[in-house]
């Protein structure tokens, strides 16, 4: 799969939540786009991703 333009290989389909955990990202601060469609946070545990998918992950960072 492509994640933010970088190739990542996975051995089996995983959920978006599992991918975020694998990448050490918190679901509360990340927006996920799969093949051009934004995934609602409540579906991160339901939607699976595979090696054919293109994902964009956008993290929000607070500051002050």
C-alpha atoms as a PDB file:
ATOM      1  CA  UNK A   1       0.000   0.000   0.000  1.00  0.00           C
ATOM      2  CA  UNK A   2       1.006   3.612  -0.354  1.00  0.00           C
ATOM      3  CA  UNK A   3       0.933   5.690   2.836  1.00  0.00           C
ATOM      4  CA  UNK A   4       1.648   9.368   2.242  1.00  0.00           C
ATOM      5  CA  UNK A   5       3.546   8.374  -0.899  1.00  0.00           C
ATOM      6  CA  UNK A   6       5.685   5.688   0.775  1.00  0.00           C
ATOM      7  CA  UNK A   7       5.304   1.995  -0.079  1.00  0.00           C
ATOM      8  CA  UNK A   8       4.378  -0.225   2.885  1.00  0.00           C
ATOM      9  CA  UNK A   9       3.825  -3.984   2.599  1.00  0.00           C
ATOM     10  CA  UNK A  10       1.470  -5.828   4.914  1.00  0.00           C
ATOM     11  CA  UNK A  11       0.989  -9.590   5.036  1.00  0.00           C
ATOM     12  CA  UNK A  12      -2.788  -9.456   5.442  1.00  0.00           C
ATOM     13  CA  UNK A  13      -5.644  -6.975   5.381  1.00  0.00           C
ATOM     14  CA  UNK A  14      -5.821  -4.913   8.583  1.00  0.00           C
ATOM     15  CA  UNK A  15      -8.179  -2.296   9.937  1.00  0.00           C
ATOM     16  CA  UNK A  16      -7.365   1.399   9.851  1.00  0.00           C
ATOM     17  CA  UNK A  17      -7.054   1.274  13.658  1.00  0.00           C
ATOM     18  CA  UNK A  18      -4.482  -1.515  13.419  1.00  0.00           C
ATOM     19  CA  UNK A  19      -2.507   0.437  10.820  1.00  0.00           C
ATOM     20  CA  UNK A  20      -2.452   3.550  12.987  1.00  0.00           C
ATOM     21  CA  UNK A  21      -1.292   1.463  15.948  1.00  0.00           C
ATOM     22  CA  UNK A  22       1.424  -0.116  13.795  1.00  0.00           C
ATOM     23  CA  UNK A  23       2.607   3.381  12.808  1.00  0.00           C
ATOM     24  CA  UNK A  24       2.424   4.651  16.414  1.00  0.00           C
ATOM     25  CA  UNK A  25      -0.247   7.232  15.564  1.00  0.00           C
ATOM     26  CA  UNK A  26      -3.207   8.189  17.736  1.00  0.00           C
ATOM     27  CA  UNK A  27      -6.579   7.940  16.011  1.00  0.00           C
ATOM     28  CA  UNK A  28      -7.788  11.025  17.886  1.00  0.00           C
ATOM     29  CA  UNK A  29      -5.282  13.247  16.054  1.00  0.00           C
ATOM     30  CA  UNK A  30      -5.219  11.664  12.584  1.00  0.00           C
ATOM     31  CA  UNK A  31      -7.487  12.035   9.572  1.00  0.00           C
ATOM     32  CA  UNK A  32      -7.330   9.071   7.164  1.00  0.00           C
ATOM     33  CA  UNK A  33      -8.102   9.214   3.455  1.00  0.00           C
ATOM     34  CA  UNK A  34      -8.374   5.868   1.637  1.00  0.00           C
ATOM     35  CA  UNK A  35      -8.312   5.913  -2.160  1.00  0.00           C
ATOM     36  CA  UNK A  36      -9.560   9.506  -2.190  1.00  0.00           C
ATOM     37  CA  UNK A  37     -12.321   9.088   0.404  1.00  0.00           C
ATOM     38  CA  UNK A  38     -12.066  10.391   3.979  1.00  0.00           C
ATOM     39  CA  UNK A  39     -12.880   7.723   6.560  1.00  0.00           C
ATOM     40  CA  UNK A  40     -14.989   8.703   9.565  1.00  0.00           C
ATOM     41  CA  UNK A  41     -13.177   8.063  12.863  1.00  0.00           C
ATOM     42  CA  UNK A  42     -16.016   5.847  14.099  1.00  0.00           C
ATOM     43  CA  UNK A  43     -15.268   3.476  11.183  1.00  0.00           C
ATOM     44  CA  UNK A  44     -11.522   3.047  11.847  1.00  0.00           C
ATOM     45  CA  UNK A  45     -12.242  -0.325  13.503  1.00  0.00           C
ATOM     46  CA  UNK A  46     -14.496  -1.471  10.634  1.00  0.00           C
ATOM     47  CA  UNK A  47     -12.704  -0.374   7.452  1.00  0.00           C
ATOM     48  CA  UNK A  48      -9.874  -2.612   6.259  1.00  0.00           C
ATOM     49  CA  UNK A  49      -6.874  -1.665   4.154  1.00  0.00           C
ATOM     50  CA  UNK A  50      -4.784  -3.855   1.854  1.00  0.00           C
ATOM     51  CA  UNK A  51      -1.636  -3.602  -0.280  1.00  0.00           C
ATOM     52  CA  UNK A  52      -3.632  -2.196  -3.235  1.00  0.00           C
ATOM     53  CA  UNK A  53      -4.810   0.875  -1.285  1.00  0.00           C
ATOM     54  CA  UNK A  54      -3.474   4.434  -1.350  1.00  0.00           C
ATOM     55  CA  UNK A  55      -3.732   6.219   1.992  1.00  0.00           C
ATOM     56  CA  UNK A  56      -3.077   9.752   3.128  1.00  0.00           C
ATOM     57  CA  UNK A  57      -2.670  10.335   6.854  1.00  0.00           C
ATOM     58  CA  UNK A  58      -2.868  13.868   8.210  1.00  0.00           C
ATOM     59  CA  UNK A  59      -1.873  14.512  11.820  1.00  0.00           C
ATOM     60  CA  UNK A  60      -2.947  17.558  13.765  1.00  0.00           C
ATOM     61  CA  UNK A  61      -0.417  19.106  16.113  1.00  0.00           C
ATOM     62  CA  UNK A  62      -1.391  21.658  18.699  1.00  0.00           C
ATOM     63  CA  UNK A  63       0.802  24.462  19.781  1.00  0.00           C
ATOM     64  CA  UNK A  64       0.692  27.605  21.690  1.00  0.00           C
END
